[in-house]
Amino acid sequence: MNKTVELVKLWGDYEDQHPNGTIEDFCRHHLSLPVKDEKRIAQEWQLLPDINGRLMILLRRIGKYHMVYSNKALEGTGLDQIEEFGILVTIFNQINPIKSEAIYNNIIELSSGTNMLIRLKKRGLINEYPDKEDKRVKRLKLTVKGEETIKVAKDRVLKVAAMMMHGLTDEDKQLCIQLLTPINERFDGMFQKQKNKTFEEIFQEMM
């Protein structure tokens, strides 16, 4: 069958089942078909995740690869881990945020983030000073050394990102961003608000 004719037929079938579907929905639908049709033969004792679990495992593994290679790339920059780079970038981009803002923006526990800020301060990468309106609140600022450090680190972090995404087209990357951004937006800012709730309470709230 001519590919154009086949495409029109596929669109017609999709439109019959999804009369309000867009072309973008149609493309995403067909991109997902190989996953839906995939058949796996497993031993009875194996614990296999559902499609939600499979996606989260994939994202988690990619995230761990990224962390390992990023930490290696940061060797010799004055930073020990990618979270420290994230903290410095937040301080730079948000223009002298308070401590909790810098910590929670990077999805880090308050105690761990506070210890990280202490280490960065000892290395001479950041300074803190009282807020003008509330002297009890401390704001953060990069030192000259801190600014120089993130400039060097940024180039290495971007190289890691390019390596991780190598092989995907810009269209593929944009599609991934489009699909995953709503998930990030849904959970953004919830981390610290839900820290004293049980998982079941959080589950009911988010579902």
N, C-alpha and C. Protein backbone atom coordinates (compact mmCIF):
# COMPACT_ATOMS: atom_id res chain seq x y z
N MET A 1 0.85 -1.19 0.00
CA MET A 1 0.00 0.00 0.00
C MET A 1 0.89 1.25 0.00
N ASN A 2 0.50 2.22 -0.80
CA ASN A 2 1.21 3.50 -0.81
C ASN A 2 1.21 4.10 0.59
N LYS A 3 2.38 4.62 1.02
CA LYS A 3 2.52 5.12 2.39
C LYS A 3 1.57 6.27 2.69
N THR A 4 1.35 7.12 1.69
CA THR A 4 0.43 8.25 1.89
C THR A 4 -0.98 7.75 2.11
N VAL A 5 -1.39 6.76 1.32
CA VAL A 5 -2.72 6.17 1.45
C VAL A 5 -2.86 5.50 2.81
N GLU A 6 -1.80 4.79 3.22
CA GLU A 6 -1.81 4.11 4.52
C GLU A 6 -1.95 5.12 5.65
N LEU A 7 -1.24 6.25 5.53
CA LEU A 7 -1.30 7.28 6.55
C LEU A 7 -2.71 7.86 6.66
N VAL A 8 -3.32 8.13 5.51
CA VAL A 8 -4.68 8.67 5.50
C VAL A 8 -5.65 7.68 6.14
N LYS A 9 -5.45 6.40 5.84
CA LYS A 9 -6.32 5.36 6.42
C LYS A 9 -6.16 5.31 7.94
N LEU A 10 -4.91 5.39 8.40
CA LEU A 10 -4.65 5.37 9.84
C LEU A 10 -5.29 6.58 10.51
N TRP A 11 -5.18 7.73 9.85
CA TRP A 11 -5.81 8.94 10.40
C TRP A 11 -7.33 8.78 10.46
N GLY A 12 -7.90 8.21 9.43
CA GLY A 12 -9.34 8.00 9.40
C GLY A 12 -9.80 7.09 10.52
N ASP A 13 -9.06 5.99 10.73
CA ASP A 13 -9.40 5.07 11.82
C ASP A 13 -9.29 5.76 13.17
N TYR A 14 -8.23 6.56 13.33
CA TYR A 14 -8.03 7.25 14.60
C TYR A 14 -9.14 8.28 14.82
N GLU A 15 -9.49 9.00 13.77
CA GLU A 15 -10.52 10.04 13.89
C GLU A 15 -11.88 9.45 14.24
N ASP A 16 -12.16 8.23 13.73
CA ASP A 16 -13.42 7.57 14.08
C ASP A 16 -13.50 7.29 15.58
N GLN A 17 -12.37 6.89 16.16
CA GLN A 17 -12.34 6.55 17.59
C GLN A 17 -12.13 7.76 18.48
N HIS A 18 -11.50 8.81 17.92
CA HIS A 18 -11.20 10.02 18.71
C HIS A 18 -11.60 11.25 17.89
N PRO A 19 -12.89 11.53 17.78
CA PRO A 19 -13.35 12.63 16.93
C PRO A 19 -12.79 14.00 17.31
N ASN A 20 -12.41 14.18 18.55
CA ASN A 20 -11.86 15.47 18.99
C ASN A 20 -10.34 15.47 19.03
N GLY A 21 -9.71 14.40 18.57
CA GLY A 21 -8.26 14.29 18.62
C GLY A 21 -7.58 15.24 17.64
N THR A 22 -6.42 15.73 18.03
CA THR A 22 -5.63 16.61 17.17
C THR A 22 -4.57 15.80 16.43
N ILE A 23 -3.89 16.45 15.50
CA ILE A 23 -2.80 15.79 14.79
C ILE A 23 -1.70 15.40 15.77
N GLU A 24 -1.44 16.27 16.77
CA GLU A 24 -0.43 15.96 17.77
C GLU A 24 -0.83 14.71 18.56
N ASP A 25 -2.14 14.60 18.91
CA ASP A 25 -2.62 13.42 19.61
C ASP A 25 -2.44 12.17 18.76
N PHE A 26 -2.73 12.30 17.47
CA PHE A 26 -2.59 11.18 16.53
C PHE A 26 -1.14 10.70 16.48
N CYS A 27 -0.20 11.64 16.41
CA CYS A 27 1.21 11.28 16.34
C CYS A 27 1.66 10.59 17.62
N ARG A 28 1.23 11.13 18.76
CA ARG A 28 1.62 10.51 20.03
C ARG A 28 1.02 9.12 20.15
N HIS A 29 -0.21 8.97 19.66
CA HIS A 29 -0.88 7.67 19.71
C HIS A 29 -0.08 6.61 18.96
N HIS A 30 0.39 6.96 17.78
CA HIS A 30 1.12 5.97 16.98
C HIS A 30 2.54 5.76 17.46
N LEU A 31 3.11 6.79 18.09
CA LEU A 31 4.43 6.58 18.70
C LEU A 31 4.35 5.60 19.86
N SER A 32 3.20 5.52 20.50
CA SER A 32 3.07 4.65 21.66
C SER A 32 2.71 3.22 21.30
N LEU A 33 2.29 2.97 20.04
CA LEU A 33 1.83 1.64 19.66
C LEU A 33 2.86 0.53 19.85
N PRO A 34 4.14 0.74 19.49
CA PRO A 34 5.11 -0.34 19.70
C PRO A 34 5.21 -0.76 21.16
N VAL A 35 5.02 0.21 22.08
CA VAL A 35 5.07 -0.12 23.50
C VAL A 35 3.86 -0.95 23.88
N LYS A 36 2.70 -0.58 23.36
CA LYS A 36 1.48 -1.30 23.70
C LYS A 36 1.50 -2.72 23.15
N ASP A 37 2.08 -2.89 21.96
CA ASP A 37 2.06 -4.19 21.31
C ASP A 37 3.18 -5.10 21.81
N GLU A 38 4.09 -4.56 22.60
CA GLU A 38 5.23 -5.34 23.05
C GLU A 38 4.77 -6.47 23.96
N LYS A 39 5.26 -7.68 23.71
CA LYS A 39 4.89 -8.83 24.52
C LYS A 39 6.13 -9.36 25.23
N ARG A 40 5.99 -9.62 26.50
CA ARG A 40 7.10 -10.13 27.27
C ARG A 40 6.70 -11.46 27.91
N ILE A 41 7.61 -12.43 27.84
CA ILE A 41 7.39 -13.70 28.47
C ILE A 41 8.22 -13.72 29.74
N ALA A 42 7.58 -13.89 30.87
CA ALA A 42 8.29 -13.80 32.13
C ALA A 42 8.03 -15.03 32.98
N GLN A 43 8.99 -15.34 33.84
CA GLN A 43 8.80 -16.40 34.80
C GLN A 43 7.75 -15.98 35.82
N GLU A 44 7.02 -16.96 36.36
CA GLU A 44 5.94 -16.64 37.29
C GLU A 44 6.43 -15.88 38.52
N TRP A 45 7.69 -16.15 38.92
CA TRP A 45 8.19 -15.52 40.14
C TRP A 45 8.63 -14.08 39.94
N GLN A 46 8.71 -13.64 38.69
CA GLN A 46 9.18 -12.28 38.45
C GLN A 46 8.11 -11.26 38.80
N LEU A 47 8.56 -10.20 39.42
CA LEU A 47 7.66 -9.09 39.77
C LEU A 47 7.79 -8.02 38.70
N LEU A 48 6.82 -7.93 37.82
CA LEU A 48 6.90 -7.01 36.70
C LEU A 48 6.04 -5.77 36.96
N PRO A 49 6.57 -4.58 36.71
CA PRO A 49 5.79 -3.36 36.92
C PRO A 49 4.76 -3.17 35.81
N ASP A 50 3.73 -2.36 36.11
CA ASP A 50 2.78 -1.99 35.07
C ASP A 50 3.41 -0.89 34.21
N ILE A 51 2.65 -0.35 33.29
CA ILE A 51 3.21 0.63 32.37
C ILE A 51 3.68 1.89 33.10
N ASN A 52 2.98 2.27 34.19
CA ASN A 52 3.42 3.42 34.98
C ASN A 52 4.78 3.14 35.62
N GLY A 53 4.91 1.94 36.18
CA GLY A 53 6.16 1.56 36.81
C GLY A 53 7.30 1.48 35.82
N ARG A 54 7.02 0.95 34.63
CA ARG A 54 8.06 0.83 33.61
C ARG A 54 8.59 2.20 33.20
N LEU A 55 7.66 3.15 33.07
CA LEU A 55 8.08 4.50 32.69
C LEU A 55 8.91 5.13 33.79
N MET A 56 8.50 4.96 35.06
CA MET A 56 9.25 5.54 36.16
C MET A 56 10.62 4.90 36.31
N ILE A 57 10.71 3.60 36.08
CA ILE A 57 12.01 2.92 36.14
C ILE A 57 12.93 3.48 35.07
N LEU A 58 12.39 3.69 33.87
CA LEU A 58 13.18 4.24 32.78
C LEU A 58 13.69 5.64 33.14
N LEU A 59 12.80 6.48 33.66
CA LEU A 59 13.20 7.84 34.02
C LEU A 59 14.22 7.83 35.16
N ARG A 60 14.02 6.94 36.13
CA ARG A 60 14.94 6.88 37.26
C ARG A 60 16.32 6.42 36.81
N ARG A 61 16.37 5.41 35.94
CA ARG A 61 17.66 4.92 35.46
C ARG A 61 18.40 6.00 34.66
N ILE A 62 17.67 6.70 33.80
CA ILE A 62 18.28 7.79 33.04
C ILE A 62 18.80 8.87 33.99
N GLY A 63 18.00 9.17 35.02
CA GLY A 63 18.41 10.16 36.00
C GLY A 63 19.67 9.75 36.75
N LYS A 64 19.78 8.46 37.06
CA LYS A 64 20.98 7.98 37.77
C LYS A 64 22.20 8.03 36.87
N TYR A 65 22.01 7.65 35.59
CA TYR A 65 23.13 7.76 34.65
C TYR A 65 23.61 9.21 34.58
N HIS A 66 22.64 10.11 34.50
CA HIS A 66 22.97 11.53 34.40
C HIS A 66 23.73 12.00 35.63
N MET A 67 23.32 11.56 36.80
CA MET A 67 23.98 11.97 38.04
C MET A 67 25.42 11.46 38.08
N VAL A 68 25.61 10.18 37.71
CA VAL A 68 26.95 9.59 37.75
C VAL A 68 27.90 10.34 36.81
N TYR A 69 27.45 10.55 35.57
CA TYR A 69 28.33 11.20 34.59
C TYR A 69 28.53 12.69 34.91
N SER A 70 27.51 13.32 35.47
CA SER A 70 27.65 14.73 35.84
C SER A 70 28.66 14.90 36.96
N ASN A 71 28.58 14.04 37.98
CA ASN A 71 29.53 14.12 39.09
C ASN A 71 30.96 13.89 38.60
N LYS A 72 31.11 13.00 37.65
CA LYS A 72 32.45 12.75 37.09
C LYS A 72 32.93 13.98 36.30
N ALA A 73 32.02 14.57 35.55
CA ALA A 73 32.38 15.74 34.75
C ALA A 73 32.76 16.94 35.62
N LEU A 74 32.21 17.00 36.83
CA LEU A 74 32.46 18.14 37.72
C LEU A 74 33.77 18.02 38.49
N GLU A 75 34.45 16.90 38.35
CA GLU A 75 35.73 16.72 39.05
C GLU A 75 36.71 17.82 38.65
N GLY A 76 37.31 18.45 39.65
CA GLY A 76 38.29 19.49 39.39
C GLY A 76 37.70 20.88 39.27
N THR A 77 36.35 21.00 39.37
CA THR A 77 35.71 22.32 39.26
C THR A 77 35.53 22.99 40.61
N GLY A 78 35.71 22.23 41.69
CA GLY A 78 35.43 22.77 43.02
C GLY A 78 34.07 22.32 43.53
N LEU A 79 33.33 21.59 42.69
CA LEU A 79 32.02 21.05 43.06
C LEU A 79 32.12 19.53 43.14
N ASP A 80 31.46 18.95 44.15
CA ASP A 80 31.54 17.51 44.34
C ASP A 80 30.38 16.74 43.72
N GLN A 81 29.25 17.42 43.50
CA GLN A 81 28.08 16.72 42.98
C GLN A 81 27.17 17.68 42.24
N ILE A 82 26.30 17.11 41.40
CA ILE A 82 25.44 17.92 40.54
C ILE A 82 24.47 18.76 41.36
N GLU A 83 24.08 18.29 42.56
CA GLU A 83 23.17 19.08 43.39
C GLU A 83 23.80 20.40 43.81
N GLU A 84 25.12 20.41 44.03
CA GLU A 84 25.80 21.66 44.38
C GLU A 84 25.75 22.64 43.22
N PHE A 85 25.92 22.12 42.02
CA PHE A 85 25.80 22.97 40.84
C PHE A 85 24.39 23.56 40.75
N GLY A 86 23.38 22.73 41.02
CA GLY A 86 21.99 23.20 40.99
C GLY A 86 21.75 24.31 41.99
N ILE A 87 22.31 24.17 43.18
CA ILE A 87 22.17 25.21 44.21
C ILE A 87 22.77 26.53 43.75
N LEU A 88 23.99 26.47 43.18
CA LEU A 88 24.65 27.69 42.72
C LEU A 88 23.88 28.35 41.58
N VAL A 89 23.36 27.54 40.67
CA VAL A 89 22.58 28.08 39.55
C VAL A 89 21.31 28.76 40.06
N THR A 90 20.66 28.14 41.06
CA THR A 90 19.45 28.74 41.64
C THR A 90 19.77 30.09 42.28
N ILE A 91 20.86 30.15 43.02
CA ILE A 91 21.26 31.41 43.67
C ILE A 91 21.52 32.49 42.61
N PHE A 92 22.17 32.10 41.52
CA PHE A 92 22.48 33.05 40.45
C PHE A 92 21.21 33.49 39.72
N ASN A 93 20.36 32.54 39.34
CA ASN A 93 19.17 32.85 38.54
C ASN A 93 18.10 33.59 39.33
N GLN A 94 17.92 33.23 40.59
CA GLN A 94 16.86 33.85 41.39
C GLN A 94 17.33 35.14 42.07
N ILE A 95 18.58 35.49 41.85
CA ILE A 95 19.16 36.74 42.37
C ILE A 95 19.01 36.82 43.89
N ASN A 96 19.89 36.10 44.57
CA ASN A 96 20.01 36.17 46.02
C ASN A 96 18.75 35.69 46.76
N PRO A 97 18.35 34.44 46.58
CA PRO A 97 17.18 33.90 47.26
C PRO A 97 17.48 33.63 48.74
N ILE A 98 16.42 33.40 49.53
CA ILE A 98 16.64 32.96 50.90
C ILE A 98 17.03 31.48 50.87
N LYS A 99 17.57 31.01 51.98
CA LYS A 99 18.13 29.66 52.02
C LYS A 99 17.10 28.59 51.61
N SER A 100 15.92 28.66 52.20
CA SER A 100 14.92 27.61 51.94
C SER A 100 14.50 27.58 50.47
N GLU A 101 14.44 28.74 49.82
CA GLU A 101 14.09 28.79 48.40
C GLU A 101 15.12 28.06 47.56
N ALA A 102 16.39 28.29 47.85
CA ALA A 102 17.47 27.64 47.09
C ALA A 102 17.44 26.13 47.30
N ILE A 103 17.12 25.72 48.53
CA ILE A 103 17.10 24.29 48.85
C ILE A 103 15.91 23.59 48.21
N TYR A 104 14.71 24.12 48.44
CA TYR A 104 13.50 23.46 47.94
C TYR A 104 13.40 23.51 46.43
N ASN A 105 13.97 24.54 45.81
CA ASN A 105 13.94 24.62 44.35
C ASN A 105 14.68 23.45 43.72
N ASN A 106 15.62 22.87 44.47
CA ASN A 106 16.39 21.73 43.98
C ASN A 106 15.89 20.40 44.53
N ILE A 107 14.72 20.44 45.16
CA ILE A 107 14.06 19.23 45.70
C ILE A 107 15.01 18.47 46.62
N ILE A 108 15.55 19.19 47.59
CA ILE A 108 16.46 18.62 48.58
C ILE A 108 15.84 18.82 49.97
N GLU A 109 16.03 17.83 50.84
CA GLU A 109 15.57 17.97 52.22
C GLU A 109 16.27 19.16 52.87
N LEU A 110 15.56 19.82 53.78
CA LEU A 110 16.09 21.04 54.40
C LEU A 110 17.41 20.79 55.11
N SER A 111 17.50 19.69 55.87
CA SER A 111 18.74 19.40 56.62
C SER A 111 19.90 19.13 55.67
N SER A 112 19.66 18.34 54.63
CA SER A 112 20.73 18.04 53.67
C SER A 112 21.14 19.29 52.91
N GLY A 113 20.15 20.11 52.53
CA GLY A 113 20.44 21.34 51.80
C GLY A 113 21.21 22.34 52.65
N THR A 114 20.87 22.41 53.94
CA THR A 114 21.58 23.32 54.85
C THR A 114 23.04 22.91 54.98
N ASN A 115 23.29 21.61 55.11
CA ASN A 115 24.68 21.13 55.19
C ASN A 115 25.44 21.42 53.90
N MET A 116 24.73 21.31 52.77
CA MET A 116 25.37 21.59 51.49
C MET A 116 25.75 23.07 51.39
N LEU A 117 24.89 23.95 51.87
CA LEU A 117 25.18 25.38 51.85
C LEU A 117 26.38 25.71 52.75
N ILE A 118 26.47 25.01 53.88
CA ILE A 118 27.62 25.22 54.78
C ILE A 118 28.91 24.84 54.07
N ARG A 119 28.90 23.71 53.35
CA ARG A 119 30.10 23.28 52.64
C ARG A 119 30.48 24.27 51.53
N LEU A 120 29.48 24.76 50.81
CA LEU A 120 29.74 25.71 49.73
C LEU A 120 30.30 27.03 50.28
N LYS A 121 29.80 27.41 51.45
CA LYS A 121 30.29 28.63 52.08
C LYS A 121 31.74 28.46 52.53
N LYS A 122 32.06 27.30 53.09
CA LYS A 122 33.43 27.04 53.54
C LYS A 122 34.42 27.04 52.37
N ARG A 123 33.93 26.66 51.19
CA ARG A 123 34.81 26.66 50.02
C ARG A 123 34.93 28.03 49.38
N GLY A 124 34.20 28.99 49.93
CA GLY A 124 34.29 30.35 49.41
C GLY A 124 33.48 30.58 48.15
N LEU A 125 32.44 29.75 47.94
CA LEU A 125 31.64 29.87 46.72
C LEU A 125 30.39 30.73 46.92
N ILE A 126 29.92 30.82 48.16
CA ILE A 126 28.72 31.63 48.44
C ILE A 126 28.93 32.43 49.73
N ASN A 127 28.16 33.48 49.86
CA ASN A 127 28.08 34.26 51.10
C ASN A 127 26.62 34.36 51.49
N GLU A 128 26.36 34.63 52.74
CA GLU A 128 24.99 34.87 53.19
C GLU A 128 24.95 36.19 53.95
N TYR A 129 23.79 36.84 53.89
CA TYR A 129 23.64 38.13 54.56
C TYR A 129 22.18 38.30 54.97
N PRO A 130 21.89 39.11 55.99
CA PRO A 130 20.52 39.28 56.48
C PRO A 130 19.64 39.97 55.45
N ASP A 131 18.39 39.55 55.39
CA ASP A 131 17.41 40.20 54.52
C ASP A 131 17.15 41.62 55.07
N LYS A 132 16.97 42.58 54.18
CA LYS A 132 16.78 43.97 54.60
C LYS A 132 15.49 44.16 55.40
N GLU A 133 14.44 43.41 55.04
CA GLU A 133 13.15 43.60 55.71
C GLU A 133 12.99 42.70 56.93
N ASP A 134 13.61 41.53 56.90
CA ASP A 134 13.49 40.59 58.02
C ASP A 134 14.89 40.09 58.36
N LYS A 135 15.48 40.62 59.42
CA LYS A 135 16.87 40.30 59.78
C LYS A 135 17.04 38.84 60.19
N ARG A 136 15.92 38.15 60.49
CA ARG A 136 16.01 36.74 60.87
C ARG A 136 16.26 35.85 59.65
N VAL A 137 15.95 36.36 58.48
CA VAL A 137 16.08 35.59 57.24
C VAL A 137 17.43 35.86 56.60
N LYS A 138 18.09 34.79 56.17
CA LYS A 138 19.38 34.90 55.51
C LYS A 138 19.22 34.72 54.00
N ARG A 139 19.83 35.62 53.25
CA ARG A 139 19.84 35.51 51.79
C ARG A 139 21.22 35.05 51.32
N LEU A 140 21.24 34.45 50.13
CA LEU A 140 22.47 33.87 49.60
C LEU A 140 22.96 34.64 48.38
N LYS A 141 24.27 34.71 48.25
CA LYS A 141 24.87 35.40 47.11
C LYS A 141 26.13 34.65 46.69
N LEU A 142 26.35 34.56 45.39
CA LEU A 142 27.58 33.94 44.90
C LEU A 142 28.75 34.88 45.09
N THR A 143 29.88 34.31 45.45
CA THR A 143 31.11 35.09 45.48
C THR A 143 31.68 35.14 44.06
N VAL A 144 32.73 35.91 43.89
CA VAL A 144 33.40 35.94 42.59
C VAL A 144 33.89 34.54 42.22
N LYS A 145 34.42 33.84 43.21
CA LYS A 145 34.88 32.46 42.98
C LYS A 145 33.70 31.57 42.60
N GLY A 146 32.55 31.79 43.23
CA GLY A 146 31.36 30.99 42.92
C GLY A 146 30.89 31.20 41.48
N GLU A 147 30.92 32.47 41.03
CA GLU A 147 30.51 32.77 39.66
C GLU A 147 31.47 32.15 38.65
N GLU A 148 32.75 32.20 38.95
CA GLU A 148 33.74 31.59 38.06
C GLU A 148 33.55 30.07 38.02
N THR A 149 33.21 29.50 39.16
CA THR A 149 33.02 28.05 39.25
C THR A 149 31.85 27.58 38.40
N ILE A 150 30.71 28.28 38.47
CA ILE A 150 29.56 27.80 37.70
C ILE A 150 29.77 28.01 36.19
N LYS A 151 30.57 28.98 35.81
CA LYS A 151 30.86 29.16 34.38
C LYS A 151 31.60 27.94 33.83
N VAL A 152 32.59 27.47 34.59
CA VAL A 152 33.35 26.29 34.16
C VAL A 152 32.46 25.05 34.23
N ALA A 153 31.72 24.93 35.34
CA ALA A 153 30.88 23.75 35.55
C ALA A 153 29.75 23.67 34.51
N LYS A 154 29.22 24.83 34.12
CA LYS A 154 28.12 24.86 33.16
C LYS A 154 28.51 24.19 31.85
N ASP A 155 29.70 24.48 31.35
CA ASP A 155 30.16 23.89 30.10
C ASP A 155 30.21 22.37 30.21
N ARG A 156 30.67 21.87 31.35
CA ARG A 156 30.77 20.42 31.53
C ARG A 156 29.40 19.76 31.67
N VAL A 157 28.51 20.43 32.40
CA VAL A 157 27.16 19.90 32.58
C VAL A 157 26.41 19.84 31.26
N LEU A 158 26.60 20.86 30.42
CA LEU A 158 25.97 20.87 29.11
C LEU A 158 26.53 19.78 28.21
N LYS A 159 27.81 19.47 28.35
CA LYS A 159 28.41 18.37 27.58
C LYS A 159 27.80 17.04 28.00
N VAL A 160 27.55 16.88 29.30
CA VAL A 160 26.91 15.65 29.78
C VAL A 160 25.50 15.53 29.18
N ALA A 161 24.76 16.64 29.20
CA ALA A 161 23.40 16.62 28.64
C ALA A 161 23.42 16.27 27.17
N ALA A 162 24.37 16.83 26.42
CA ALA A 162 24.49 16.53 24.99
C ALA A 162 24.81 15.06 24.78
N MET A 163 25.68 14.51 25.63
CA MET A 163 26.03 13.10 25.53
C MET A 163 24.83 12.20 25.84
N MET A 164 24.07 12.57 26.88
CA MET A 164 22.91 11.76 27.27
C MET A 164 21.83 11.76 26.19
N MET A 165 21.64 12.89 25.53
CA MET A 165 20.57 13.01 24.54
C MET A 165 21.03 12.72 23.12
N HIS A 166 22.30 12.35 22.96
CA HIS A 166 22.83 12.07 21.63
C HIS A 166 22.04 10.95 20.96
N GLY A 167 21.66 11.17 19.72
CA GLY A 167 20.89 10.17 18.98
C GLY A 167 19.42 10.53 18.84
N LEU A 168 18.95 11.45 19.68
CA LEU A 168 17.57 11.93 19.56
C LEU A 168 17.54 13.19 18.70
N THR A 169 16.52 13.31 17.87
CA THR A 169 16.36 14.53 17.09
C THR A 169 15.81 15.63 18.00
N ASP A 170 15.92 16.88 17.54
CA ASP A 170 15.34 17.98 18.31
C ASP A 170 13.83 17.81 18.46
N GLU A 171 13.19 17.23 17.44
CA GLU A 171 11.75 16.98 17.51
C GLU A 171 11.43 15.96 18.60
N ASP A 172 12.26 14.91 18.70
CA ASP A 172 12.07 13.91 19.75
C ASP A 172 12.21 14.54 21.13
N LYS A 173 13.23 15.38 21.27
CA LYS A 173 13.48 16.03 22.56
C LYS A 173 12.32 16.95 22.94
N GLN A 174 11.83 17.69 21.94
CA GLN A 174 10.72 18.60 22.21
C GLN A 174 9.47 17.84 22.61
N LEU A 175 9.26 16.68 21.99
CA LEU A 175 8.10 15.85 22.33
C LEU A 175 8.22 15.35 23.76
N CYS A 176 9.42 14.91 24.16
CA CYS A 176 9.64 14.46 25.53
C CYS A 176 9.34 15.58 26.52
N ILE A 177 9.83 16.77 26.21
CA ILE A 177 9.59 17.93 27.09
C ILE A 177 8.09 18.21 27.18
N GLN A 178 7.42 18.16 26.04
CA GLN A 178 5.99 18.45 25.99
C GLN A 178 5.20 17.44 26.83
N LEU A 179 5.58 16.17 26.77
CA LEU A 179 4.85 15.13 27.48
C LEU A 179 5.12 15.14 28.99
N LEU A 180 6.34 15.46 29.38
CA LEU A 180 6.72 15.35 30.79
C LEU A 180 6.56 16.63 31.59
N THR A 181 6.52 17.77 30.92
CA THR A 181 6.38 19.05 31.64
C THR A 181 5.13 19.10 32.52
N PRO A 182 3.96 18.65 32.05
CA PRO A 182 2.77 18.70 32.93
C PRO A 182 2.95 17.91 34.23
N ILE A 183 3.71 16.81 34.19
CA ILE A 183 3.96 16.03 35.40
C ILE A 183 4.78 16.84 36.38
N ASN A 184 5.83 17.47 35.87
CA ASN A 184 6.68 18.32 36.72
C ASN A 184 5.87 19.47 37.33
N GLU A 185 5.05 20.10 36.51
CA GLU A 185 4.25 21.23 36.98
C GLU A 185 3.25 20.80 38.05
N ARG A 186 2.74 19.58 37.92
CA ARG A 186 1.76 19.06 38.86
C ARG A 186 2.35 18.88 40.26
N PHE A 187 3.61 18.45 40.30
CA PHE A 187 4.24 18.18 41.59
C PHE A 187 5.11 19.34 42.08
N ASP A 188 5.33 20.33 41.24
CA ASP A 188 6.20 21.44 41.60
C ASP A 188 5.66 22.18 42.82
N GLY A 189 6.51 22.35 43.81
CA GLY A 189 6.11 23.08 45.00
C GLY A 189 5.40 22.24 46.05
N MET A 190 5.09 20.97 45.73
CA MET A 190 4.35 20.13 46.66
C MET A 190 5.26 19.44 47.67
N PHE A 191 6.53 19.31 47.32
CA PHE A 191 7.49 18.54 48.11
C PHE A 191 7.49 18.96 49.58
N GLN A 192 7.72 20.25 49.84
CA GLN A 192 7.81 20.70 51.22
C GLN A 192 6.45 20.77 51.90
N LYS A 193 5.38 20.98 51.12
CA LYS A 193 4.04 21.08 51.70
C LYS A 193 3.54 19.73 52.20
N GLN A 194 4.03 18.65 51.61
CA GLN A 194 3.52 17.32 51.96
C GLN A 194 4.44 16.53 52.87
N LYS A 195 5.51 17.14 53.36
CA LYS A 195 6.53 16.39 54.09
C LYS A 195 5.99 15.79 55.40
N ASN A 196 4.96 16.38 55.99
CA ASN A 196 4.41 15.87 57.25
C ASN A 196 3.18 15.00 57.05
N LYS A 197 2.84 14.71 55.79
CA LYS A 197 1.68 13.88 55.50
C LYS A 197 2.11 12.44 55.23
N THR A 198 1.20 11.50 55.46
CA THR A 198 1.48 10.11 55.12
C THR A 198 1.37 9.93 53.61
N PHE A 199 1.91 8.80 53.12
CA PHE A 199 1.82 8.58 51.68
C PHE A 199 0.37 8.47 51.22
N GLU A 200 -0.46 7.79 52.02
CA GLU A 200 -1.86 7.63 51.63
C GLU A 200 -2.56 8.98 51.52
N GLU A 201 -2.24 9.91 52.41
CA GLU A 201 -2.81 11.26 52.34
C GLU A 201 -2.34 11.96 51.07
N ILE A 202 -1.06 11.81 50.77
CA ILE A 202 -0.51 12.43 49.56
C ILE A 202 -1.14 11.82 48.32
N PHE A 203 -1.28 10.50 48.32
CA PHE A 203 -1.87 9.79 47.17
C PHE A 203 -3.29 10.29 46.90
N GLN A 204 -4.09 10.39 47.95
CA GLN A 204 -5.47 10.86 47.78
C GLN A 204 -5.51 12.30 47.28
N GLU A 205 -4.60 13.12 47.78
CA GLU A 205 -4.56 14.52 47.37
C GLU A 205 -4.17 14.67 45.89
N MET A 206 -3.19 13.88 45.44
CA MET A 206 -2.68 14.01 44.09
C MET A 206 -3.55 13.30 43.06
N MET A 207 -4.33 12.34 43.48
CA MET A 207 -5.16 11.59 42.54
C MET A 207 -6.57 12.15 42.43
